Each structure stands twice: as C-alpha cells, then as structure tokens.
C-alpha cells in the first residue's frame, strides 16, 4: 500500500464483484469540491483583510 493510498483511504471503496479497493468518483468529486471551496474562502478572506487607503481629493 502506498503512502498516498494510506493517507486518502477514505476516497476508496470496495468493488462489489472483485473485492478490490478502487477510487470512488463521487467521493473524489466531493473531496475536490471541498478543497475548491476552502481555497475560495481563504482567497476571499485574504482579499477582504487588505487595508483600504482613502485619499481625499
């Protein structure tokens, strides 16, 4: 078992016919969606924390 497969074991599901572990497309899609939302939230947070400088005309 490789290290990547050990770390991301929650992405695998047992095949009904062969008994082998294989990647679940729905779990991978949910995981990628969660990573995307996390990165989007961190980007929005970092943009909103930039100080606003106002110069009177």
Protein backbone atom coordinates (compact mmCIF):
# COMPACT_ATOMS: atom_id res chain seq x y z
CA UNK A 1 0.00 0.00 0.00
CA UNK A 2 1.45 3.34 -1.00
CA UNK A 3 1.59 6.33 1.31
CA UNK A 4 -0.89 8.32 -0.80
CA UNK A 5 -3.38 5.45 -0.75
CA UNK A 6 -2.95 5.14 3.02
CA UNK A 7 -3.49 8.86 3.64
CA UNK A 8 -6.50 9.15 1.33
CA UNK A 9 -8.06 5.80 2.22
CA UNK A 10 -11.46 7.49 2.70
CA UNK A 11 -11.61 8.04 -1.08
CA UNK A 12 -11.57 4.30 -1.80
CA UNK A 13 -14.49 1.90 -1.79
CA UNK A 14 -14.50 -1.90 -2.14
CA UNK A 15 -15.63 -3.23 -5.52
CA UNK A 16 -18.65 -5.49 -5.10
CA UNK A 17 -17.55 -8.06 -7.70
CA UNK A 18 -13.78 -8.31 -7.32
CA UNK A 19 -13.30 -7.30 -3.69
CA UNK A 20 -10.54 -4.87 -4.67
CA UNK A 21 -10.37 -1.31 -3.38
CA UNK A 22 -10.92 1.33 -6.08
CA UNK A 23 -11.42 5.06 -6.20
CA UNK A 24 -14.98 6.27 -5.74
CA UNK A 25 -15.75 9.01 -8.27
CA UNK A 26 -18.39 10.59 -6.05
CA UNK A 27 -16.03 10.75 -3.06
CA UNK A 28 -13.25 12.22 -5.18
CA UNK A 29 -15.65 14.82 -6.61
CA UNK A 30 -16.85 15.81 -3.13
CA UNK A 31 -13.27 15.99 -1.87
CA UNK A 32 -12.17 18.19 -4.79
CA UNK A 33 -15.24 20.39 -4.31
CA UNK A 34 -14.39 20.81 -0.64
CA UNK A 35 -10.79 21.72 -1.43
CA UNK A 36 -12.01 24.25 -4.01
CA UNK A 37 -14.42 25.86 -1.53
CA UNK A 38 -11.69 26.01 1.12
CA UNK A 39 -9.27 27.72 -1.28
CA UNK A 40 -12.01 30.10 -2.43
CA UNK A 41 -12.83 31.02 1.17
CA UNK A 42 -9.16 31.61 2.02
CA UNK A 43 -8.75 33.79 -1.08
CA UNK A 44 -11.82 35.87 -0.21
CA UNK A 45 -10.64 36.24 3.40
CA UNK A 46 -7.19 37.38 2.31
CA UNK A 47 -8.68 39.93 -0.13
CA UNK A 48 -11.11 41.31 2.46
CA UNK A 49 -8.35 41.79 5.05
CA UNK A 50 -6.31 44.14 2.87
CA UNK A 51 -6.46 47.62 4.41
CA UNK A 52 -8.30 50.25 2.42
CA UNK A 53 -6.47 53.53 1.98
CA UNK A 54 -8.59 56.56 1.29
CA UNK A 55 -7.07 59.76 -0.05
CA UNK A 56 -9.24 62.83 0.00
CA UNK A 57 -9.24 64.67 -3.35
